[in-house]
């Protein structure tokens, strides 16, 4: 009996290599903070951490939606364009909706702008899901097409220009749009609170709901999940719809921070979101990953970029460093998941 239990104890024993591999995002974040705190006295301050976190919030919100899609075994290249489209739609509503046939200009209240904008994002995301689930279009192709369509619509709506001064006017009853970008509760930026709420809700959904179990099952082996009674099409459409809605929320946060909305906003943000998910340890093949790792991945990218700016590194080198981190994360994912398939 002792001969059979010894190997099991050895296999389940503590391993420094395994600890570093599975906790790589956390250790990378600690290392980034330590290095830049040493290089610049302005980095390790409460105010700087809050500013950096406010900037990370946009990437983090996008990353949560991207995580759900990747857990399903898909990819969403359209989130950056959905962010821009939804920001432009919000800007157009804040500037007033002209009804020529009635001879009036409508100025919706901010709450209506927020609800309608999120609905638009969810609708575009649902379009992705329908194309993939029912028409069997590969996720890469479907979301790439929607990416171009959404960006093109945003450009058409604005003629390539930017909606400025979205603060609204008290006389029109549409003030408060900049609340998301500038206000704080207890000293914490609203955007960071929004990110925390989104992350907590997503974490609870994945760990405590039937939908979370369906998502992991369909991402791990869609055919087996379908044979087990999992509504795989519903799951697929839902994750893309949520991804679109979260892209809309990120667009609202960005437009509120800038008090402007332009059709070129969010360019390459989809790649940053994918990078955050990968750095956080999710498997691009689906079925493996979590919100905690994705949040750490988003903060790794955000704190690294901010640190490079603070110490005066060229923006070109920032791109090189960020790309190197992404490649290293993918390599570690291959090491973690490639040797024995999926690990329980």
C-alpha atoms as a PDB file:
ATOM      1  CA  UNK A   1       0.000   0.000   0.000  1.00  0.00           C
ATOM      2  CA  UNK A   2       2.889   2.300   0.797  1.00  0.00           C
ATOM      3  CA  UNK A   3       4.382   1.603  -2.629  1.00  0.00           C
ATOM      4  CA  UNK A   4       1.268   2.886  -4.354  1.00  0.00           C
ATOM      5  CA  UNK A   5       0.853   6.030  -2.282  1.00  0.00           C
ATOM      6  CA  UNK A   6       4.441   7.273  -2.607  1.00  0.00           C
ATOM      7  CA  UNK A   7       4.228   8.315  -6.291  1.00  0.00           C
ATOM      8  CA  UNK A   8       0.974  10.135  -5.665  1.00  0.00           C
ATOM      9  CA  UNK A   9       2.540  12.101  -2.853  1.00  0.00           C
ATOM     10  CA  UNK A  10       5.458  12.954  -5.069  1.00  0.00           C
ATOM     11  CA  UNK A  11       3.221  14.087  -7.930  1.00  0.00           C
ATOM     12  CA  UNK A  12       1.162  16.285  -5.628  1.00  0.00           C
ATOM     13  CA  UNK A  13       4.163  17.731  -3.785  1.00  0.00           C
ATOM     14  CA  UNK A  14       5.211  21.350  -3.709  1.00  0.00           C
ATOM     15  CA  UNK A  15       7.089  22.563  -6.768  1.00  0.00           C
ATOM     16  CA  UNK A  16       8.721  25.970  -7.117  1.00  0.00           C
ATOM     17  CA  UNK A  17       8.594  25.687 -10.902  1.00  0.00           C
ATOM     18  CA  UNK A  18       4.898  24.908 -10.918  1.00  0.00           C
ATOM     19  CA  UNK A  19       4.182  27.737  -8.470  1.00  0.00           C
ATOM     20  CA  UNK A  20       6.038  30.250 -10.639  1.00  0.00           C
ATOM     21  CA  UNK A  21       4.373  28.948 -13.799  1.00  0.00           C
ATOM     22  CA  UNK A  22       0.808  29.034 -12.500  1.00  0.00           C
ATOM     23  CA  UNK A  23       1.297  32.327 -10.656  1.00  0.00           C
ATOM     24  CA  UNK A  24       3.290  34.013 -13.409  1.00  0.00           C
ATOM     25  CA  UNK A  25       0.904  36.943 -13.873  1.00  0.00           C
ATOM     26  CA  UNK A  26       0.975  37.798 -10.175  1.00  0.00           C
ATOM     27  CA  UNK A  27       4.753  37.522  -9.908  1.00  0.00           C
ATOM     28  CA  UNK A  28       5.162  39.548 -13.127  1.00  0.00           C
ATOM     29  CA  UNK A  29       3.003  42.320 -11.676  1.00  0.00           C
ATOM     30  CA  UNK A  30       5.004  42.363  -8.429  1.00  0.00           C
ATOM     31  CA  UNK A  31       8.259  42.491 -10.405  1.00  0.00           C
ATOM     32  CA  UNK A  32       6.996  45.366 -12.579  1.00  0.00           C
ATOM     33  CA  UNK A  33       5.964  47.389  -9.532  1.00  0.00           C
ATOM     34  CA  UNK A  34       9.287  46.712  -7.787  1.00  0.00           C
ATOM     35  CA  UNK A  35      11.449  47.601 -10.795  1.00  0.00           C
ATOM     36  CA  UNK A  36       9.666  50.830 -11.698  1.00  0.00           C
ATOM     37  CA  UNK A  37       9.417  51.882  -8.048  1.00  0.00           C
ATOM     38  CA  UNK A  38      13.211  51.595  -7.892  1.00  0.00           C
ATOM     39  CA  UNK A  39      13.681  53.498 -11.158  1.00  0.00           C
ATOM     40  CA  UNK A  40      11.257  56.319 -10.396  1.00  0.00           C
ATOM     41  CA  UNK A  41      10.165  57.794  -7.029  1.00  0.00           C
ATOM     42  CA  UNK A  42       6.909  58.918  -8.660  1.00  0.00           C
ATOM     43  CA  UNK A  43       5.761  55.403  -9.524  1.00  0.00           C
ATOM     44  CA  UNK A  44       5.021  53.949  -6.078  1.00  0.00           C
ATOM     45  CA  UNK A  45       2.448  56.493  -4.919  1.00  0.00           C
ATOM     46  CA  UNK A  46      -1.247  56.111  -4.185  1.00  0.00           C
ATOM     47  CA  UNK A  47      -2.225  58.798  -6.675  1.00  0.00           C
ATOM     48  CA  UNK A  48      -0.217  57.169  -9.466  1.00  0.00           C
ATOM     49  CA  UNK A  49      -1.687  53.736  -8.731  1.00  0.00           C
ATOM     50  CA  UNK A  50      -5.195  55.192  -8.923  1.00  0.00           C
ATOM     51  CA  UNK A  51      -4.414  56.938 -12.206  1.00  0.00           C
ATOM     52  CA  UNK A  52      -2.907  53.778 -13.687  1.00  0.00           C
ATOM     53  CA  UNK A  53      -5.835  51.693 -12.458  1.00  0.00           C
ATOM     54  CA  UNK A  54      -8.254  54.112 -14.089  1.00  0.00           C
ATOM     55  CA  UNK A  55      -6.465  53.606 -17.394  1.00  0.00           C
ATOM     56  CA  UNK A  56      -6.340  49.833 -16.909  1.00  0.00           C
ATOM     57  CA  UNK A  57     -10.105  49.761 -16.285  1.00  0.00           C
ATOM     58  CA  UNK A  58     -10.879  50.090 -19.996  1.00  0.00           C
ATOM     59  CA  UNK A  59      -8.590  47.203 -20.936  1.00  0.00           C
ATOM     60  CA  UNK A  60      -9.865  45.186 -17.995  1.00  0.00           C
ATOM     61  CA  UNK A  61     -13.528  45.533 -18.936  1.00  0.00           C
ATOM     62  CA  UNK A  62     -12.744  44.483 -22.509  1.00  0.00           C
ATOM     63  CA  UNK A  63     -10.629  41.599 -21.210  1.00  0.00           C
ATOM     64  CA  UNK A  64     -13.461  40.122 -19.142  1.00  0.00           C
ATOM     65  CA  UNK A  65     -15.619  39.873 -22.256  1.00  0.00           C
ATOM     66  CA  UNK A  66     -12.701  38.455 -24.214  1.00  0.00           C
ATOM     67  CA  UNK A  67     -12.123  35.860 -21.490  1.00  0.00           C
ATOM     68  CA  UNK A  68     -15.671  34.554 -21.845  1.00  0.00           C
ATOM     69  CA  UNK A  69     -15.258  34.254 -25.596  1.00  0.00           C
ATOM     70  CA  UNK A  70     -11.879  32.508 -25.314  1.00  0.00           C
ATOM     71  CA  UNK A  71     -13.229  30.108 -22.681  1.00  0.00           C
ATOM     72  CA  UNK A  72     -15.775  29.125 -25.316  1.00  0.00           C
ATOM     73  CA  UNK A  73     -12.955  28.371 -27.744  1.00  0.00           C
ATOM     74  CA  UNK A  74     -13.525  31.495 -29.836  1.00  0.00           C
ATOM     75  CA  UNK A  75     -11.964  34.893 -30.425  1.00  0.00           C
ATOM     76  CA  UNK A  76     -13.451  38.384 -30.756  1.00  0.00           C
ATOM     77  CA  UNK A  77     -11.527  40.813 -32.933  1.00  0.00           C
ATOM     78  CA  UNK A  78     -14.388  43.303 -33.052  1.00  0.00           C
ATOM     79  CA  UNK A  79     -14.348  44.645 -29.483  1.00  0.00           C
ATOM     80  CA  UNK A  80     -12.132  47.637 -30.299  1.00  0.00           C
ATOM     81  CA  UNK A  81     -14.407  48.680 -33.148  1.00  0.00           C
ATOM     82  CA  UNK A  82     -17.535  48.079 -31.046  1.00  0.00           C
ATOM     83  CA  UNK A  83     -15.989  50.332 -28.404  1.00  0.00           C
ATOM     84  CA  UNK A  84     -15.524  53.069 -31.012  1.00  0.00           C
ATOM     85  CA  UNK A  85     -18.990  52.602 -32.517  1.00  0.00           C
ATOM     86  CA  UNK A  86     -20.699  52.712 -29.136  1.00  0.00           C
ATOM     87  CA  UNK A  87     -18.672  55.734 -28.085  1.00  0.00           C
ATOM     88  CA  UNK A  88     -19.706  57.516 -31.268  1.00  0.00           C
ATOM     89  CA  UNK A  89     -23.349  56.543 -30.756  1.00  0.00           C
ATOM     90  CA  UNK A  90     -23.218  57.938 -27.221  1.00  0.00           C
ATOM     91  CA  UNK A  91     -21.581  61.106 -28.534  1.00  0.00           C
ATOM     92  CA  UNK A  92     -24.244  61.508 -31.217  1.00  0.00           C
ATOM     93  CA  UNK A  93     -27.007  61.172 -28.632  1.00  0.00           C
ATOM     94  CA  UNK A  94     -25.317  63.681 -26.336  1.00  0.00           C
ATOM     95  CA  UNK A  95     -25.059  66.139 -29.240  1.00  0.00           C
ATOM     96  CA  UNK A  96     -28.766  65.699 -29.939  1.00  0.00           C
ATOM     97  CA  UNK A  97     -30.801  63.477 -32.247  1.00  0.00           C
ATOM     98  CA  UNK A  98     -32.321  65.527 -35.059  1.00  0.00           C
ATOM     99  CA  UNK A  99     -35.766  64.454 -36.285  1.00  0.00           C
ATOM    100  CA  UNK A 100     -36.188  66.352 -39.553  1.00  0.00           C
ATOM    101  CA  UNK A 101     -39.719  65.079 -40.145  1.00  0.00           C
ATOM    102  CA  UNK A 102     -40.819  66.472 -36.753  1.00  0.00           C
ATOM    103  CA  UNK A 103     -38.582  69.539 -36.778  1.00  0.00           C
ATOM    104  CA  UNK A 104     -37.206  68.784 -33.316  1.00  0.00           C
ATOM    105  CA  UNK A 105     -33.887  67.793 -31.701  1.00  0.00           C
ATOM    106  CA  UNK A 106     -34.031  65.216 -28.926  1.00  0.00           C
ATOM    107  CA  UNK A 107     -31.543  65.294 -26.066  1.00  0.00           C
ATOM    108  CA  UNK A 108     -31.883  62.018 -24.137  1.00  0.00           C
ATOM    109  CA  UNK A 109     -30.925  61.986 -20.448  1.00  0.00           C
ATOM    110  CA  UNK A 110     -27.585  60.395 -19.635  1.00  0.00           C
ATOM    111  CA  UNK A 111     -29.136  57.231 -18.182  1.00  0.00           C
ATOM    112  CA  UNK A 112     -30.965  56.657 -21.481  1.00  0.00           C
ATOM    113  CA  UNK A 113     -27.742  57.248 -23.417  1.00  0.00           C
ATOM    114  CA  UNK A 114     -25.971  54.638 -21.291  1.00  0.00           C
ATOM    115  CA  UNK A 115     -28.739  52.037 -21.646  1.00  0.00           C
ATOM    116  CA  UNK A 116     -29.093  52.536 -25.405  1.00  0.00           C
ATOM    117  CA  UNK A 117     -25.328  52.426 -25.932  1.00  0.00           C
ATOM    118  CA  UNK A 118     -24.962  49.157 -24.031  1.00  0.00           C
ATOM    119  CA  UNK A 119     -27.901  47.742 -26.004  1.00  0.00           C
ATOM    120  CA  UNK A 120     -26.177  48.655 -29.273  1.00  0.00           C
ATOM    121  CA  UNK A 121     -22.983  46.924 -28.148  1.00  0.00           C
ATOM    122  CA  UNK A 122     -24.906  43.823 -27.092  1.00  0.00           C
ATOM    123  CA  UNK A 123     -26.729  43.764 -30.430  1.00  0.00           C
ATOM    124  CA  UNK A 124     -23.489  43.870 -32.415  1.00  0.00           C
ATOM    125  CA  UNK A 125     -22.042  41.174 -30.163  1.00  0.00           C
ATOM    126  CA  UNK A 126     -25.149  39.039 -30.688  1.00  0.00           C
ATOM    127  CA  UNK A 127     -24.615  39.395 -34.446  1.00  0.00           C
ATOM    128  CA  UNK A 128     -21.176  37.847 -33.972  1.00  0.00           C
ATOM    129  CA  UNK A 129     -22.710  35.018 -31.981  1.00  0.00           C
ATOM    130  CA  UNK A 130     -25.409  34.279 -34.560  1.00  0.00           C
ATOM    131  CA  UNK A 131     -22.909  34.232 -37.417  1.00  0.00           C
ATOM    132  CA  UNK A 132     -20.729  31.776 -35.511  1.00  0.00           C
ATOM    133  CA  UNK A 133     -23.382  29.587 -33.860  1.00  0.00           C
ATOM    134  CA  UNK A 134     -25.940  29.258 -36.643  1.00  0.00           C
ATOM    135  CA  UNK A 135     -24.081  30.009 -39.867  1.00  0.00           C
ATOM    136  CA  UNK A 136     -20.884  28.222 -38.762  1.00  0.00           C
ATOM    137  CA  UNK A 137     -18.650  31.146 -39.747  1.00  0.00           C
ATOM    138  CA  UNK A 138     -15.239  30.732 -38.053  1.00  0.00           C
ATOM    139  CA  UNK A 139     -14.940  33.163 -35.110  1.00  0.00           C
ATOM    140  CA  UNK A 140     -11.820  34.785 -36.546  1.00  0.00           C
ATOM    141  CA  UNK A 141     -13.542  35.544 -39.861  1.00  0.00           C
ATOM    142  CA  UNK A 142     -16.901  36.577 -38.394  1.00  0.00           C
ATOM    143  CA  UNK A 143     -15.474  38.984 -35.835  1.00  0.00           C
ATOM    144  CA  UNK A 144     -12.929  40.338 -38.326  1.00  0.00           C
ATOM    145  CA  UNK A 145     -15.777  41.221 -40.690  1.00  0.00           C
ATOM    146  CA  UNK A 146     -17.835  42.816 -37.920  1.00  0.00           C
ATOM    147  CA  UNK A 147     -14.722  44.725 -36.827  1.00  0.00           C
ATOM    148  CA  UNK A 148     -14.509  46.421 -40.214  1.00  0.00           C
ATOM    149  CA  UNK A 149     -18.265  47.008 -40.444  1.00  0.00           C
ATOM    150  CA  UNK A 150     -18.479  48.581 -36.971  1.00  0.00           C
ATOM    151  CA  UNK A 151     -15.468  50.799 -37.609  1.00  0.00           C
ATOM    152  CA  UNK A 152     -16.851  51.813 -40.995  1.00  0.00           C
ATOM    153  CA  UNK A 153     -20.245  52.727 -39.528  1.00  0.00           C
ATOM    154  CA  UNK A 154     -18.518  54.834 -36.868  1.00  0.00           C
ATOM    155  CA  UNK A 155     -16.560  56.666 -39.570  1.00  0.00           C
ATOM    156  CA  UNK A 156     -19.714  57.217 -41.637  1.00  0.00           C
ATOM    157  CA  UNK A 157     -21.613  58.610 -38.651  1.00  0.00           C
ATOM    158  CA  UNK A 158     -18.935  61.201 -37.943  1.00  0.00           C
ATOM    159  CA  UNK A 159     -17.387  61.752 -41.383  1.00  0.00           C
ATOM    160  CA  UNK A 160     -14.117  60.865 -39.684  1.00  0.00           C
ATOM    161  CA  UNK A 161     -14.477  63.660 -37.123  1.00  0.00           C
ATOM    162  CA  UNK A 162     -14.755  63.570 -33.325  1.00  0.00           C
ATOM    163  CA  UNK A 163     -17.678  64.523 -31.093  1.00  0.00           C
ATOM    164  CA  UNK A 164     -16.292  66.979 -28.555  1.00  0.00           C
ATOM    165  CA  UNK A 165     -17.596  68.546 -25.336  1.00  0.00           C
ATOM    166  CA  UNK A 166     -19.881  65.741 -24.189  1.00  0.00           C
ATOM    167  CA  UNK A 167     -20.482  67.268 -20.773  1.00  0.00           C
ATOM    168  CA  UNK A 168     -24.040  68.212 -21.728  1.00  0.00           C
ATOM    169  CA  UNK A 169     -26.019  71.271 -20.682  1.00  0.00           C
ATOM    170  CA  UNK A 170     -28.199  71.775 -17.633  1.00  0.00           C
ATOM    171  CA  UNK A 171     -30.831  73.533 -19.733  1.00  0.00           C
ATOM    172  CA  UNK A 172     -31.151  70.410 -21.881  1.00  0.00           C
ATOM    173  CA  UNK A 173     -31.188  68.011 -18.924  1.00  0.00           C
ATOM    174  CA  UNK A 174     -28.357  65.840 -20.242  1.00  0.00           C
ATOM    175  CA  UNK A 175     -25.476  66.657 -17.908  1.00  0.00           C
ATOM    176  CA  UNK A 176     -23.494  64.033 -16.040  1.00  0.00           C
ATOM    177  CA  UNK A 177     -21.879  62.086 -18.868  1.00  0.00           C
ATOM    178  CA  UNK A 178     -18.410  62.883 -17.526  1.00  0.00           C
ATOM    179  CA  UNK A 179     -19.327  61.311 -14.172  1.00  0.00           C
ATOM    180  CA  UNK A 180     -17.875  57.955 -15.209  1.00  0.00           C
ATOM    181  CA  UNK A 181     -14.547  59.415 -16.211  1.00  0.00           C
ATOM    182  CA  UNK A 182     -13.861  62.050 -13.542  1.00  0.00           C
ATOM    183  CA  UNK A 183     -15.796  61.336 -10.352  1.00  0.00           C
ATOM    184  CA  UNK A 184     -14.571  59.242  -7.443  1.00  0.00           C
ATOM    185  CA  UNK A 185     -16.182  57.377  -4.576  1.00  0.00           C
ATOM    186  CA  UNK A 186     -14.057  57.221  -1.454  1.00  0.00           C
ATOM    187  CA  UNK A 187     -11.109  58.430  -3.521  1.00  0.00           C
ATOM    188  CA  UNK A 188     -11.429  55.538  -5.989  1.00  0.00           C
ATOM    189  CA  UNK A 189     -12.197  56.427  -9.645  1.00  0.00           C
ATOM    190  CA  UNK A 190     -15.639  55.333 -10.858  1.00  0.00           C
ATOM    191  CA  UNK A 191     -14.051  53.468 -13.767  1.00  0.00           C
ATOM    192  CA  UNK A 192     -12.109  51.255 -11.328  1.00  0.00           C
ATOM    193  CA  UNK A 193     -15.306  50.546  -9.387  1.00  0.00           C
ATOM    194  CA  UNK A 194     -17.063  49.624 -12.632  1.00  0.00           C
ATOM    195  CA  UNK A 195     -14.214  47.241 -13.462  1.00  0.00           C
ATOM    196  CA  UNK A 196     -14.436  45.670  -9.997  1.00  0.00           C
ATOM    197  CA  UNK A 197     -18.196  45.147 -10.310  1.00  0.00           C
ATOM    198  CA  UNK A 198     -17.823  43.626 -13.779  1.00  0.00           C
ATOM    199  CA  UNK A 199     -15.033  41.307 -12.605  1.00  0.00           C
ATOM    200  CA  UNK A 200     -16.935  40.166  -9.502  1.00  0.00           C
ATOM    201  CA  UNK A 201     -20.128  39.474 -11.440  1.00  0.00           C
ATOM    202  CA  UNK A 202     -18.210  37.573 -14.118  1.00  0.00           C
ATOM    203  CA  UNK A 203     -16.361  35.564 -11.477  1.00  0.00           C
ATOM    204  CA  UNK A 204     -19.594  34.636  -9.724  1.00  0.00           C
ATOM    205  CA  UNK A 205     -21.191  33.680 -13.025  1.00  0.00           C
ATOM    206  CA  UNK A 206     -18.300  31.384 -13.923  1.00  0.00           C
ATOM    207  CA  UNK A 207     -18.003  29.745 -10.504  1.00  0.00           C
ATOM    208  CA  UNK A 208     -21.532  29.690  -9.122  1.00  0.00           C
ATOM    209  CA  UNK A 209     -23.927  29.356 -12.065  1.00  0.00           C
ATOM    210  CA  UNK A 210     -25.018  26.652 -14.463  1.00  0.00           C
ATOM    211  CA  UNK A 211     -24.036  28.931 -17.319  1.00  0.00           C
ATOM    212  CA  UNK A 212     -20.443  28.981 -16.055  1.00  0.00           C
ATOM    213  CA  UNK A 213     -20.325  25.190 -16.031  1.00  0.00           C
ATOM    214  CA  UNK A 214     -21.813  25.091 -19.526  1.00  0.00           C
ATOM    215  CA  UNK A 215     -19.213  27.572 -20.730  1.00  0.00           C
ATOM    216  CA  UNK A 216     -16.248  25.587 -19.423  1.00  0.00           C
ATOM    217  CA  UNK A 217     -17.736  22.360 -20.750  1.00  0.00           C
ATOM    218  CA  UNK A 218     -18.444  23.705 -24.230  1.00  0.00           C
ATOM    219  CA  UNK A 219     -15.007  25.312 -24.413  1.00  0.00           C
ATOM    220  CA  UNK A 220     -13.253  22.140 -23.339  1.00  0.00           C
ATOM    221  CA  UNK A 221     -15.110  19.828 -25.739  1.00  0.00           C
ATOM    222  CA  UNK A 222     -18.085  21.329 -27.539  1.00  0.00           C
ATOM    223  CA  UNK A 223     -19.280  18.097 -29.112  1.00  0.00           C
ATOM    224  CA  UNK A 224     -19.207  16.186 -25.823  1.00  0.00           C
ATOM    225  CA  UNK A 225     -20.960  19.090 -24.063  1.00  0.00           C
ATOM    226  CA  UNK A 226     -23.688  19.151 -26.697  1.00  0.00           C
ATOM    227  CA  UNK A 227     -24.242  15.393 -26.319  1.00  0.00           C
ATOM    228  CA  UNK A 228     -24.499  15.943 -22.563  1.00  0.00           C
ATOM    229  CA  UNK A 229     -27.356  18.394 -23.010  1.00  0.00           C
ATOM    230  CA  UNK A 230     -25.464  21.692 -22.847  1.00  0.00           C
ATOM    231  CA  UNK A 231     -27.154  24.344 -25.049  1.00  0.00           C
ATOM    232  CA  UNK A 232     -23.937  25.162 -26.894  1.00  0.00           C
ATOM    233  CA  UNK A 233     -25.515  27.586 -29.360  1.00  0.00           C
ATOM    234  CA  UNK A 234     -27.121  29.573 -26.562  1.00  0.00           C
ATOM    235  CA  UNK A 235     -23.806  29.684 -24.699  1.00  0.00           C
ATOM    236  CA  UNK A 236     -21.944  30.848 -27.792  1.00  0.00           C
ATOM    237  CA  UNK A 237     -24.391  33.637 -28.614  1.00  0.00           C
ATOM    238  CA  UNK A 238     -24.517  34.743 -24.979  1.00  0.00           C
ATOM    239  CA  UNK A 239     -20.746  35.111 -24.544  1.00  0.00           C
ATOM    240  CA  UNK A 240     -20.431  37.205 -27.701  1.00  0.00           C
ATOM    241  CA  UNK A 241     -23.407  39.323 -26.614  1.00  0.00           C
ATOM    242  CA  UNK A 242     -21.798  39.924 -23.215  1.00  0.00           C
ATOM    243  CA  UNK A 243     -18.493  40.742 -24.920  1.00  0.00           C
ATOM    244  CA  UNK A 244     -20.247  43.351 -27.067  1.00  0.00           C
ATOM    245  CA  UNK A 245     -22.043  44.858 -24.069  1.00  0.00           C
ATOM    246  CA  UNK A 246     -18.783  45.107 -22.104  1.00  0.00           C
ATOM    247  CA  UNK A 247     -17.102  46.736 -25.106  1.00  0.00           C
ATOM    248  CA  UNK A 248     -19.903  49.312 -25.041  1.00  0.00           C
ATOM    249  CA  UNK A 249     -19.310  49.941 -21.328  1.00  0.00           C
ATOM    250  CA  UNK A 250     -15.593  50.381 -22.023  1.00  0.00           C
ATOM    251  CA  UNK A 251     -16.491  52.817 -24.796  1.00  0.00           C
ATOM    252  CA  UNK A 252     -18.655  54.820 -22.405  1.00  0.00           C
ATOM    253  CA  UNK A 253     -15.857  54.956 -19.839  1.00  0.00           C
ATOM    254  CA  UNK A 254     -13.297  56.076 -22.428  1.00  0.00           C
ATOM    255  CA  UNK A 255     -15.597  58.713 -23.948  1.00  0.00           C
ATOM    256  CA  UNK A 256     -16.426  59.981 -20.462  1.00  0.00           C
ATOM    257  CA  UNK A 257     -12.744  60.250 -19.520  1.00  0.00           C
ATOM    258  CA  UNK A 258     -11.978  62.181 -22.702  1.00  0.00           C
ATOM    259  CA  UNK A 259     -15.356  64.001 -22.856  1.00  0.00           C
ATOM    260  CA  UNK A 260     -15.154  63.217 -26.562  1.00  0.00           C
ATOM    261  CA  UNK A 261     -15.848  60.298 -28.859  1.00  0.00           C
ATOM    262  CA  UNK A 262     -14.073  59.530 -32.126  1.00  0.00           C
ATOM    263  CA  UNK A 263     -14.347  56.774 -34.728  1.00  0.00           C
ATOM    264  CA  UNK A 264     -10.685  55.795 -34.358  1.00  0.00           C
ATOM    265  CA  UNK A 265     -10.907  55.083 -30.624  1.00  0.00           C
ATOM    266  CA  UNK A 266     -10.076  51.588 -29.475  1.00  0.00           C
ATOM    267  CA  UNK A 267      -7.702  50.752 -32.306  1.00  0.00           C
ATOM    268  CA  UNK A 268      -5.754  47.564 -31.421  1.00  0.00           C
ATOM    269  CA  UNK A 269      -7.597  47.337 -28.087  1.00  0.00           C
ATOM    270  CA  UNK A 270      -8.803  43.878 -29.092  1.00  0.00           C
ATOM    271  CA  UNK A 271      -5.191  42.714 -29.188  1.00  0.00           C
ATOM    272  CA  UNK A 272      -4.539  44.158 -25.739  1.00  0.00           C
ATOM    273  CA  UNK A 273      -7.600  42.345 -24.398  1.00  0.00           C
ATOM    274  CA  UNK A 274      -6.443  39.051 -25.900  1.00  0.00           C
ATOM    275  CA  UNK A 275      -2.970  39.637 -24.456  1.00  0.00           C
ATOM    276  CA  UNK A 276      -4.398  40.227 -20.966  1.00  0.00           C
ATOM    277  CA  UNK A 277      -6.354  36.975 -21.123  1.00  0.00           C
ATOM    278  CA  UNK A 278      -3.304  35.030 -22.333  1.00  0.00           C
ATOM    279  CA  UNK A 279      -0.976  36.590 -19.744  1.00  0.00           C
ATOM    280  CA  UNK A 280      -3.567  35.646 -17.129  1.00  0.00           C
ATOM    281  CA  UNK A 281      -3.103  31.983 -18.003  1.00  0.00           C
ATOM    282  CA  UNK A 282      -6.154  31.216 -20.135  1.00  0.00           C
ATOM    283  CA  UNK A 283      -5.768  28.629 -22.886  1.00  0.00           C
ATOM    284  CA  UNK A 284      -6.543  29.943 -26.364  1.00  0.00           C
ATOM    285  CA  UNK A 285      -8.014  26.519 -27.189  1.00  0.00           C
ATOM    286  CA  UNK A 286     -10.801  27.164 -24.666  1.00  0.00           C
ATOM    287  CA  UNK A 287     -12.001  25.651 -21.422  1.00  0.00           C
ATOM    288  CA  UNK A 288      -9.213  26.992 -19.175  1.00  0.00           C
ATOM    289  CA  UNK A 289      -8.902  30.385 -17.521  1.00  0.00           C
ATOM    290  CA  UNK A 290     -10.409  32.642 -14.900  1.00  0.00           C
ATOM    291  CA  UNK A 291     -11.300  36.233 -14.086  1.00  0.00           C
ATOM    292  CA  UNK A 292      -8.586  36.609 -11.466  1.00  0.00           C
ATOM    293  CA  UNK A 293      -5.796  35.773 -13.908  1.00  0.00           C
ATOM    294  CA  UNK A 294      -7.308  37.999 -16.592  1.00  0.00           C
ATOM    295  CA  UNK A 295      -7.427  40.966 -14.206  1.00  0.00           C
ATOM    296  CA  UNK A 296      -3.793  40.374 -13.301  1.00  0.00           C
ATOM    297  CA  UNK A 297      -2.946  40.216 -17.014  1.00  0.00           C
ATOM    298  CA  UNK A 298      -4.679  43.543 -17.666  1.00  0.00           C
ATOM    299  CA  UNK A 299      -2.798  45.191 -14.790  1.00  0.00           C
ATOM    300  CA  UNK A 300       0.509  43.721 -15.984  1.00  0.00           C
ATOM    301  CA  UNK A 301       0.053  45.368 -19.391  1.00  0.00           C
ATOM    302  CA  UNK A 302      -1.258  48.643 -17.969  1.00  0.00           C
ATOM    303  CA  UNK A 303       1.337  49.026 -15.227  1.00  0.00           C
ATOM    304  CA  UNK A 304       4.152  48.058 -17.605  1.00  0.00           C
ATOM    305  CA  UNK A 305       3.092  50.662 -20.192  1.00  0.00           C
ATOM    306  CA  UNK A 306       2.638  53.362 -17.545  1.00  0.00           C
ATOM    307  CA  UNK A 307       6.008  52.572 -15.976  1.00  0.00           C
ATOM    308  CA  UNK A 308       7.782  52.853 -19.305  1.00  0.00           C
ATOM    309  CA  UNK A 309       6.149  56.245 -19.861  1.00  0.00           C
ATOM    310  CA  UNK A 310       7.171  57.489 -16.402  1.00  0.00           C
ATOM    311  CA  UNK A 311      10.841  56.607 -16.874  1.00  0.00           C
ATOM    312  CA  UNK A 312      10.840  58.202 -20.338  1.00  0.00           C
ATOM    313  CA  UNK A 313      11.145  55.145 -22.570  1.00  0.00           C
ATOM    314  CA  UNK A 314      10.258  55.761 -26.225  1.00  0.00           C
ATOM    315  CA  UNK A 315       6.764  54.680 -27.282  1.00  0.00           C
ATOM    316  CA  UNK A 316       8.382  52.454 -29.900  1.00  0.00           C
ATOM    317  CA  UNK A 317      10.227  50.535 -27.216  1.00  0.00           C
ATOM    318  CA  UNK A 318       7.007  50.284 -25.245  1.00  0.00           C
ATOM    319  CA  UNK A 319       5.502  48.337 -28.132  1.00  0.00           C
ATOM    320  CA  UNK A 320       8.544  46.061 -28.235  1.00  0.00           C
ATOM    321  CA  UNK A 321       8.409  45.331 -24.492  1.00  0.00           C
ATOM    322  CA  UNK A 322       4.672  44.710 -24.531  1.00  0.00           C
ATOM    323  CA  UNK A 323       5.012  42.335 -27.476  1.00  0.00           C
ATOM    324  CA  UNK A 324       7.829  40.469 -25.741  1.00  0.00           C
ATOM    325  CA  UNK A 325       5.671  39.985 -22.640  1.00  0.00           C
ATOM    326  CA  UNK A 326       2.843  38.595 -24.775  1.00  0.00           C
ATOM    327  CA  UNK A 327       5.149  36.145 -26.570  1.00  0.00           C
ATOM    328  CA  UNK A 328       6.580  35.013 -23.229  1.00  0.00           C
ATOM    329  CA  UNK A 329       3.061  34.498 -21.858  1.00  0.00           C
ATOM    330  CA  UNK A 330       2.047  32.375 -24.847  1.00  0.00           C
ATOM    331  CA  UNK A 331       5.232  30.334 -24.460  1.00  0.00           C
ATOM    332  CA  UNK A 332       4.448  29.683 -20.805  1.00  0.00           C
ATOM    333  CA  UNK A 333       0.884  28.700 -21.719  1.00  0.00           C
ATOM    334  CA  UNK A 334       2.313  26.173 -24.162  1.00  0.00           C
ATOM    335  CA  UNK A 335       4.535  24.773 -21.424  1.00  0.00           C
ATOM    336  CA  UNK A 336       1.662  24.612 -18.935  1.00  0.00           C
ATOM    337  CA  UNK A 337      -1.032  23.156 -21.195  1.00  0.00           C
ATOM    338  CA  UNK A 338       0.966  21.502 -23.955  1.00  0.00           C
ATOM    339  CA  UNK A 339       2.557  18.662 -22.114  1.00  0.00           C
ATOM    340  CA  UNK A 340      -0.410  16.662 -21.025  1.00  0.00           C
ATOM    341  CA  UNK A 341      -3.334  18.259 -22.661  1.00  0.00           C
ATOM    342  CA  UNK A 342      -5.705  19.960 -20.279  1.00  0.00           C
ATOM    343  CA  UNK A 343      -4.907  19.630 -16.634  1.00  0.00           C
ATOM    344  CA  UNK A 344      -7.596  19.295 -14.049  1.00  0.00           C
END
